[in-house]
Protein backbone atom coordinates (compact mmCIF):
# COMPACT_ATOMS: atom_id res chain seq x y z
CA UNK A 1 27.86 5.42 -40.88
CA UNK A 2 28.28 1.78 -41.82
CA UNK A 3 26.35 0.26 -38.91
CA UNK A 4 23.20 0.92 -36.94
CA UNK A 5 23.18 -0.23 -33.31
CA UNK A 6 19.92 -0.33 -31.33
CA UNK A 7 19.25 -1.27 -27.72
CA UNK A 8 15.81 -2.19 -26.43
CA UNK A 9 15.36 -1.53 -22.71
CA UNK A 10 12.43 -3.44 -21.24
CA UNK A 11 11.13 -4.81 -17.97
CA UNK A 12 12.07 -8.43 -17.32
CA UNK A 13 9.36 -11.08 -17.75
CA UNK A 14 6.61 -8.61 -18.65
CA UNK A 15 8.17 -7.33 -21.88
CA UNK A 16 10.56 -10.17 -22.69
CA UNK A 17 8.73 -11.38 -25.80
CA UNK A 18 8.10 -7.83 -26.98
CA UNK A 19 11.81 -6.95 -26.90
CA UNK A 20 12.73 -10.16 -28.75
CA UNK A 21 10.18 -9.40 -31.47
CA UNK A 22 11.46 -5.86 -31.91
CA UNK A 23 15.13 -6.81 -32.29
CA UNK A 24 14.29 -9.74 -34.57
CA UNK A 25 12.09 -7.46 -36.66
CA UNK A 26 14.92 -4.93 -37.00
CA UNK A 27 17.29 -7.58 -38.34
CA UNK A 28 14.78 -9.11 -40.76
CA UNK A 29 13.78 -5.67 -42.04
CA UNK A 30 17.45 -4.85 -42.63
CA UNK A 31 17.91 -8.09 -44.55
CA UNK A 32 15.10 -7.00 -46.88
CA UNK A 33 17.21 -3.93 -47.59
CA UNK A 34 20.24 -6.07 -48.43
CA UNK A 35 22.08 -5.55 -45.16
CA UNK A 36 23.43 -7.84 -42.46
CA UNK A 37 22.22 -7.97 -38.89
CA UNK A 38 22.12 -9.82 -35.59
CA UNK A 39 19.85 -9.66 -32.53
CA UNK A 40 20.84 -10.82 -29.04
CA UNK A 41 19.93 -10.35 -25.38
CA UNK A 42 21.97 -9.33 -22.40
CA UNK A 43 21.15 -10.64 -18.93
CA UNK A 44 21.64 -8.66 -15.76
CA UNK A 45 22.41 -9.96 -12.30
CA UNK A 46 18.87 -11.36 -12.00
CA UNK A 47 17.91 -12.46 -15.52
CA UNK A 48 14.42 -11.69 -16.74
CA UNK A 49 13.17 -11.01 -13.22
CA UNK A 50 9.79 -9.41 -12.53
CA UNK A 51 10.03 -5.79 -13.56
CA UNK A 52 13.83 -5.56 -13.42
CA UNK A 53 15.16 -3.67 -16.47
CA UNK A 54 16.92 -5.84 -19.05
CA UNK A 55 18.29 -5.23 -22.55
CA UNK A 56 18.18 -6.70 -26.03
CA UNK A 57 20.38 -5.43 -28.86
CA UNK A 58 20.16 -5.34 -32.64
CA UNK A 59 23.11 -4.51 -34.91
CA UNK A 60 22.66 -3.80 -38.62
CA UNK A 61 25.64 -3.30 -40.97
CA UNK A 62 26.28 -2.70 -44.66
CA UNK A 63 28.63 -5.67 -44.92
CA UNK A 64 29.21 -8.95 -43.13
CA UNK A 65 32.72 -7.79 -42.15
CA UNK A 66 31.34 -4.63 -40.56
CA UNK A 67 28.83 -6.69 -38.63
CA UNK A 68 31.52 -9.05 -37.32
CA UNK A 69 33.61 -6.09 -36.23
CA UNK A 70 30.73 -4.73 -34.14
CA UNK A 71 30.05 -8.19 -32.71
CA UNK A 72 33.61 -8.47 -31.39
CA UNK A 73 32.52 -6.81 -28.13
CA UNK A 74 30.75 -8.20 -25.12
CA UNK A 75 28.04 -5.62 -25.65
CA UNK A 76 27.75 -2.26 -27.45
CA UNK A 77 29.27 0.66 -25.57
CA UNK A 78 27.40 3.18 -27.70
CA UNK A 79 24.10 2.93 -29.55
CA UNK A 80 22.49 5.00 -32.29
CA UNK A 81 18.95 4.35 -31.05
CA UNK A 82 17.78 3.58 -27.52
CA UNK A 83 14.28 2.11 -27.49
CA UNK A 84 12.43 2.27 -24.17
CA UNK A 85 9.17 0.35 -24.45
CA UNK A 86 7.98 1.67 -21.08
CA UNK A 87 8.13 5.35 -20.09
CA UNK A 88 8.54 4.44 -16.41
CA UNK A 89 12.12 3.63 -17.44
CA UNK A 90 12.77 7.31 -18.20
CA UNK A 91 14.23 7.98 -14.75
CA UNK A 92 17.03 5.50 -15.41
CA UNK A 93 17.74 1.79 -15.36
CA UNK A 94 19.81 -0.61 -13.32
CA UNK A 95 19.95 -3.60 -15.59
CA UNK A 96 23.30 -4.52 -14.03
CA UNK A 97 23.04 -3.83 -10.34
CA UNK A 98 26.82 -3.43 -10.07
CA UNK A 99 26.55 -0.23 -12.06
CA UNK A 100 23.91 1.44 -9.93
CA UNK A 101 21.32 3.62 -11.60
CA UNK A 102 22.24 4.49 -15.19
CA UNK A 103 20.53 7.23 -17.26
CA UNK A 104 18.25 5.78 -19.93
CA UNK A 105 20.20 7.77 -22.56
CA UNK A 106 23.66 6.83 -21.25
CA UNK A 107 24.68 4.81 -24.33
CA UNK A 108 22.90 7.04 -26.87
CA UNK A 109 25.47 8.70 -29.15
CA UNK A 110 25.45 12.48 -29.75
CA UNK A 111 22.61 13.30 -32.14
CA UNK A 112 21.29 9.76 -31.64
CA UNK A 113 17.67 9.01 -30.78
CA UNK A 114 15.84 7.92 -27.66
CA UNK A 115 12.59 6.33 -28.85
CA UNK A 116 9.95 5.88 -26.18
CA UNK A 117 6.38 4.56 -25.97
CA UNK A 118 4.44 7.14 -23.96
CA UNK A 119 1.35 9.31 -23.68
CA UNK A 120 3.25 11.94 -21.67
CA UNK A 121 4.50 15.25 -23.04
CA UNK A 122 8.14 15.86 -23.96
CA UNK A 123 8.59 18.25 -21.04
CA UNK A 124 7.05 15.81 -18.56
CA UNK A 125 9.40 13.00 -19.62
CA UNK A 126 12.44 15.28 -19.52
CA UNK A 127 11.81 15.91 -15.83
CA UNK A 128 13.00 12.31 -15.31
CA UNK A 129 15.39 11.74 -18.23
CA UNK A 130 18.89 12.77 -17.15
CA UNK A 131 20.80 15.52 -18.87
CA UNK A 132 23.34 14.46 -21.47
CA UNK A 133 26.60 16.15 -22.42
CA UNK A 134 25.58 16.25 -26.08
CA UNK A 135 22.32 16.99 -27.90
CA UNK A 136 20.15 14.07 -28.97
CA UNK A 137 16.63 13.47 -30.26
CA UNK A 138 13.65 12.31 -28.20
CA UNK A 139 11.08 10.51 -30.36
CA UNK A 140 7.66 9.46 -29.05
CA UNK A 141 5.20 6.81 -30.11
CA UNK A 142 1.86 7.74 -28.61
CA UNK A 143 0.67 4.58 -26.86
CA UNK A 144 0.55 2.89 -23.46
CA UNK A 145 3.37 0.65 -22.36
CA UNK A 146 2.86 -2.87 -23.63
CA UNK A 147 3.24 -5.76 -21.21
CA UNK A 148 3.89 -8.75 -23.42
CA UNK A 149 4.85 -11.25 -20.80
CA UNK A 150 6.65 -14.54 -20.63
CA UNK A 151 3.35 -16.41 -20.46
CA UNK A 152 1.17 -14.34 -22.78
CA UNK A 153 1.73 -11.99 -25.70
CA UNK A 154 -0.35 -8.85 -25.87
CA UNK A 155 -1.22 -8.17 -29.51
CA UNK A 156 -1.33 -4.40 -29.37
CA UNK A 157 1.04 -3.94 -32.34
CA UNK A 158 3.77 -2.22 -30.28
CA UNK A 159 6.52 -4.22 -32.01
CA UNK A 160 5.51 -3.18 -35.54
CA UNK A 161 4.85 0.42 -34.52
CA UNK A 162 8.43 0.61 -33.29
CA UNK A 163 9.67 -0.88 -36.58
CA UNK A 164 7.71 1.75 -38.49
CA UNK A 165 9.16 4.48 -36.30
CA UNK A 166 12.70 3.19 -36.88
CA UNK A 167 12.14 3.39 -40.63
CA UNK A 168 11.63 7.12 -40.15
CA UNK A 169 14.51 7.52 -37.69
CA UNK A 170 17.09 5.54 -39.73
CA UNK A 171 15.78 5.36 -43.33
CA UNK A 172 19.23 4.57 -44.72
CA UNK A 173 19.14 1.23 -42.87
CA UNK A 174 15.45 0.36 -42.60
CA UNK A 175 13.04 1.50 -45.29
CA UNK A 176 9.30 1.44 -44.73
CA UNK A 177 8.86 -0.96 -47.67
CA UNK A 178 11.45 -3.34 -46.19
CA UNK A 179 9.70 -3.19 -42.81
CA UNK A 180 6.40 -4.05 -44.48
CA UNK A 181 7.94 -7.00 -46.33
CA UNK A 182 9.51 -8.34 -43.13
CA UNK A 183 6.26 -8.03 -41.18
CA UNK A 184 4.29 -9.96 -43.81
CA UNK A 185 6.81 -12.81 -43.80
CA UNK A 186 7.08 -13.18 -40.03
CA UNK A 187 4.89 -15.72 -38.30
CA UNK A 188 3.24 -12.88 -36.38
CA UNK A 189 2.83 -10.65 -39.41
CA UNK A 190 -0.30 -9.48 -41.21
CA UNK A 191 -1.53 -6.70 -43.47
CA UNK A 192 -3.14 -5.13 -40.42
CA UNK A 193 0.25 -4.91 -38.71
CA UNK A 194 1.80 -3.44 -41.85
CA UNK A 195 -0.81 -0.67 -41.63
CA UNK A 196 0.09 -0.11 -37.98
CA UNK A 197 3.77 0.30 -38.94
CA UNK A 198 2.82 2.85 -41.61
CA UNK A 199 0.71 4.84 -39.16
CA UNK A 200 3.57 4.92 -36.66
CA UNK A 201 5.90 6.13 -39.42
CA UNK A 202 3.52 8.99 -40.26
CA UNK A 203 2.68 9.96 -36.70
CA UNK A 204 6.05 9.72 -34.96
CA UNK A 205 6.80 12.85 -32.93
CA UNK A 206 10.38 13.94 -32.44
CA UNK A 207 12.36 16.91 -31.21
CA UNK A 208 15.94 17.75 -30.34
CA UNK A 209 16.92 17.75 -26.68
CA UNK A 210 19.44 20.46 -25.79
CA UNK A 211 22.28 20.18 -23.30
CA UNK A 212 20.37 22.38 -20.85
CA UNK A 213 17.31 20.10 -20.82
CA UNK A 214 16.68 17.14 -18.58
CA UNK A 215 16.99 15.95 -15.00
CA UNK A 216 20.10 17.50 -13.43
CA UNK A 217 20.32 15.01 -10.56
CA UNK A 218 23.41 12.84 -10.25
CA UNK A 219 22.25 9.22 -10.64
CA UNK A 220 22.46 7.04 -7.54
CA UNK A 221 25.38 4.63 -7.85
CA UNK A 222 27.17 1.90 -5.96
CA UNK A 223 30.92 1.51 -5.66
CA UNK A 224 32.24 -1.78 -6.99
CA UNK A 225 34.77 -3.62 -4.84
CA UNK A 226 38.34 -3.31 -6.10
CA UNK A 227 40.26 -6.42 -7.04
CA UNK A 228 43.02 -5.61 -4.56
CA UNK A 229 40.43 -5.45 -1.76
CA UNK A 230 39.35 -9.04 -2.34
CA UNK A 231 40.79 -11.79 -0.15
CA UNK A 232 43.10 -14.43 -1.59
CA UNK A 233 41.66 -17.59 -3.04
CA UNK A 234 38.93 -18.44 -5.49
CA UNK A 235 36.06 -18.58 -3.00
CA UNK A 236 33.50 -15.82 -2.62
CA UNK A 237 31.83 -15.30 0.76
CA UNK A 238 28.18 -16.27 0.67
CA UNK A 239 25.42 -14.04 1.98
CA UNK A 240 24.76 -14.94 5.63
CA UNK A 241 21.45 -16.55 6.54
CA UNK A 242 20.19 -13.59 8.55
CA UNK A 243 19.80 -12.65 12.18
CA UNK A 244 17.19 -11.85 14.83
CA UNK A 245 16.30 -8.22 15.42
CA UNK A 246 18.21 -6.39 18.13
CA UNK A 247 15.61 -7.02 20.81
CA UNK A 248 15.53 -10.72 19.97
CA UNK A 249 12.02 -10.49 18.57
CA UNK A 250 11.56 -10.70 14.83
CA UNK A 251 13.97 -11.58 12.07
CA UNK A 252 15.92 -9.71 9.38
CA UNK A 253 17.17 -11.63 6.31
CA UNK A 254 20.72 -10.80 5.24
CA UNK A 255 20.90 -9.06 1.85
CA UNK A 256 23.57 -8.53 -0.77
CA UNK A 257 25.07 -5.08 -0.09
CA UNK A 258 25.76 -4.44 -3.78
CA UNK A 259 22.52 -5.46 -5.50
CA UNK A 260 20.03 -2.73 -4.64
CA UNK A 261 17.30 -2.61 -7.25
CA UNK A 262 15.09 -0.03 -5.58
CA UNK A 263 16.64 2.69 -7.74
CA UNK A 264 14.49 1.68 -10.72
CA UNK A 265 11.39 0.73 -8.74
CA UNK A 266 8.23 2.29 -10.19
CA UNK A 267 5.79 0.99 -7.55
CA UNK A 268 6.08 -0.05 -3.92
CA UNK A 269 3.87 -2.08 -1.57
CA UNK A 270 1.86 -0.22 1.07
CA UNK A 271 0.87 -2.55 3.93
CA UNK A 272 -2.23 -2.40 6.12
CA UNK A 273 -0.81 -3.97 9.28
CA UNK A 274 -4.21 -3.92 10.99
CA UNK A 275 -5.62 -6.45 8.51
CA UNK A 276 -2.48 -8.63 8.20
CA UNK A 277 -3.26 -12.25 9.15
CA UNK A 278 0.45 -13.17 9.43
CA UNK A 279 0.13 -15.92 6.82
CA UNK A 280 3.85 -15.54 5.82
CA UNK A 281 3.10 -15.64 2.05
CA UNK A 282 4.60 -12.22 1.25
CA UNK A 283 7.72 -13.07 3.25
CA UNK A 284 8.17 -16.50 1.65
CA UNK A 285 7.31 -15.53 -1.94
CA UNK A 286 9.30 -12.26 -2.15
CA UNK A 287 12.09 -12.96 -4.68
CA UNK A 288 14.41 -10.44 -3.00
CA UNK A 289 13.76 -11.40 0.65
CA UNK A 290 12.82 -7.80 1.28
CA UNK A 291 10.35 -8.44 4.11
CA UNK A 292 11.53 -8.17 7.71
CA UNK A 293 9.68 -10.24 10.33
CA UNK A 294 8.57 -7.76 12.98
CA UNK A 295 8.23 -8.46 16.74
CA UNK A 296 4.41 -8.71 16.47
CA UNK A 297 4.60 -11.27 13.64
CA UNK A 298 3.66 -8.87 10.83
CA UNK A 299 5.94 -8.15 7.86
CA UNK A 300 7.59 -4.86 6.92
CA UNK A 301 8.90 -4.37 3.38
CA UNK A 302 12.46 -3.03 3.48
CA UNK A 303 12.46 -0.36 0.78
CA UNK A 304 16.22 -0.55 0.35
CA UNK A 305 15.75 -4.10 -1.01
CA UNK A 306 12.31 -3.95 -2.68
CA UNK A 307 12.32 -3.81 -6.50
CA UNK A 308 8.56 -3.26 -6.75
CA UNK A 309 7.70 -6.43 -8.64
CA UNK A 310 4.28 -6.78 -7.00
CA UNK A 311 4.49 -10.49 -6.12
CA UNK A 312 3.53 -9.72 -2.50
CA UNK A 313 0.32 -8.01 -3.57
CA UNK A 314 -0.54 -10.92 -5.85
CA UNK A 315 -0.08 -13.63 -3.21
CA UNK A 316 -1.63 -11.81 -0.23
CA UNK A 317 -4.96 -13.50 0.62
CA UNK A 318 -6.44 -10.41 2.32
CA UNK A 319 -8.02 -7.83 0.05
CA UNK A 320 -6.23 -4.46 0.18
CA UNK A 321 -3.80 -5.61 2.87
CA UNK A 322 -0.98 -4.99 0.38
CA UNK A 323 -1.46 -2.41 -2.36
CA UNK A 324 1.11 -1.41 -4.97
CA UNK A 325 1.36 2.38 -5.21
CA UNK A 326 3.29 4.54 -7.68
CA UNK A 327 6.78 5.43 -6.49
CA UNK A 328 6.36 9.11 -7.40
CA UNK A 329 4.13 9.79 -4.36
CA UNK A 330 6.82 8.80 -1.82
CA UNK A 331 9.70 10.91 -0.53
CA UNK A 332 11.91 8.33 1.19
CA UNK A 333 12.46 4.65 2.02
CA UNK A 334 11.36 4.89 5.64
CA UNK A 335 9.89 1.88 7.45
CA UNK A 336 6.10 1.68 7.23
CA UNK A 337 5.92 -0.59 10.28
CA UNK A 338 7.81 1.92 12.44
CA UNK A 339 5.41 4.65 11.31
CA UNK A 340 2.42 2.43 12.17
CA UNK A 341 3.89 1.41 15.54
CA UNK A 342 4.48 5.00 16.65
CA UNK A 343 1.06 6.38 15.65
CA UNK A 344 -1.51 3.97 14.23
CA UNK A 345 -4.12 6.67 13.63
CA UNK A 346 -1.67 8.86 11.70
CA UNK A 347 -0.50 5.82 9.71
CA UNK A 348 -4.09 5.00 8.80
CA UNK A 349 -4.54 8.52 7.40
CA UNK A 350 -1.25 8.29 5.51
CA UNK A 351 -2.01 4.82 4.13
CA UNK A 352 -5.54 5.77 3.07
CA UNK A 353 -4.24 8.78 1.16
CA UNK A 354 -1.73 6.60 -0.71
CA UNK A 355 -3.94 3.65 -1.64
CA UNK A 356 -6.95 5.90 -2.26
CA UNK A 357 -5.19 7.74 -5.08
CA UNK A 358 -6.61 5.97 -8.13
CA UNK A 359 -3.94 7.40 -10.44
CA UNK A 360 -1.15 6.19 -8.16
CA UNK A 361 -2.50 2.64 -7.81
CA UNK A 362 -2.86 1.91 -11.53
CA UNK A 363 -0.20 -0.67 -12.30
CA UNK A 364 2.71 0.78 -14.23
CA UNK A 365 4.12 -2.70 -14.76
CA UNK A 366 3.38 -6.25 -13.85
CA UNK A 367 0.26 -8.25 -13.09
CA UNK A 368 -2.50 -7.61 -10.58
CA UNK A 369 -4.92 -10.53 -10.98
CA UNK A 370 -5.41 -13.66 -13.06
CA UNK A 371 -7.10 -12.83 -16.35
CA UNK A 372 -5.94 -9.20 -16.39
CA UNK A 373 -4.35 -9.44 -19.84
CA UNK A 374 -7.44 -11.05 -21.36
CA UNK A 375 -9.64 -8.24 -20.05
CA UNK A 376 -7.25 -5.57 -21.35
CA UNK A 377 -7.07 -7.21 -24.77
CA UNK A 378 -10.83 -7.33 -25.10
CA UNK A 379 -11.08 -3.67 -24.19
CA UNK A 380 -8.14 -2.43 -26.32
CA UNK A 381 -8.72 -4.48 -29.46
CA UNK A 382 -12.51 -4.05 -29.39
CA UNK A 383 -13.29 -7.35 -31.02
CA UNK A 384 -10.61 -7.23 -33.72
CA UNK A 385 -10.12 -3.50 -34.19
CA UNK A 386 -6.82 -1.88 -33.27
CA UNK A 387 -6.98 1.71 -32.11
CA UNK A 388 -3.94 3.70 -33.12
CA UNK A 389 -3.59 7.04 -31.38
CA UNK A 390 -2.04 9.91 -33.30
CA UNK A 391 -1.45 12.08 -30.26
CA UNK A 392 -2.05 12.57 -26.58
CA UNK A 393 -5.71 12.04 -25.62
CA UNK A 394 -7.45 15.36 -25.41
CA UNK A 395 -7.64 18.34 -27.69
CA UNK A 396 -6.82 17.64 -31.36
CA UNK A 397 -6.18 13.96 -30.63
CA UNK A 398 -6.99 11.79 -33.64
CA UNK A 399 -7.93 8.15 -33.43
CA UNK A 400 -8.64 5.60 -36.08
CA UNK A 401 -9.81 2.04 -35.71
CA UNK A 402 -8.55 -0.36 -38.36
CA UNK A 403 -10.58 -3.51 -38.72
CA UNK A 404 -8.84 -6.75 -39.53
């Protein structure tokens, strides 16, 4: 093997800086080993949007010629290591909505590695990760998903832990010494982060995934229009403005029939229609126009269009009127407003059970309130100490706090 190709799959906005640091760190570490490398991003149909999966790539080669050969493609078609910085991505990604839902390990070569940040067990993750037609390795860094956003960087050492893990996964391209040298020379480097990389190297967990293991479901997909089905000319029909509901009351925005991002949604809004003050903020601020205006002036989130970014919850002025709830507790994309209209008492019971589940309402990505990151940093770093977990919390879990 004369080249190492890595992809970093992350959630737009919230992990943008994290992904850039990882790919840059891979290239600089490779340079310390005398190799050539390049890091670059790839935008989807809605670049860097809230929570929408996006990708960065890093290519490392033995020679400059080998690197140029691998760069002569729009993007890599196969990768040696897939890095998922958020385990909610394990059920698949739709970084290009034209493709529909794609397995997280789709580009991973046979016997390649899927590296994931997670506190879950291997078996739990494999319930979501799709089966592959060749064996590969699943490697786990025991930590929570890091949300290093566009506006703030969360110094939880995720980027250097991943570099340390890669030194163990691909030692012929990235040595631990080279990783340490690169970290010290980067503007965000320190001896403390070098120690974090070493701990990740020592504590990385990995096992082979067999052909029989994984989620057997066929990923949801969308059919792309064929070129011969397109009308003549260079114009493309715009999305219509929208139309009133059938009874003339209410309004439904028109939506692009191809871009359906709900397939990688990890949370969805649950609306308390009884407390809605009809302020219009969720409807106006939703980046995907996913709210329908209902006949009574309230707003129903269309789950075929909602990507789960959480903007509606953030802008709603009424406490608990909109609550983001984990996608795993829902069975379909049915209308919440229709459920409420038919039986308000039954809807109240249903809604209370969803928003009352404390595990389901913990944010899996995104922001909830101003100052959230600062509070998390103070709790996680404990005044300058970085806690590095060696395993899943519980029996035999080992923790060590390194003071800077």
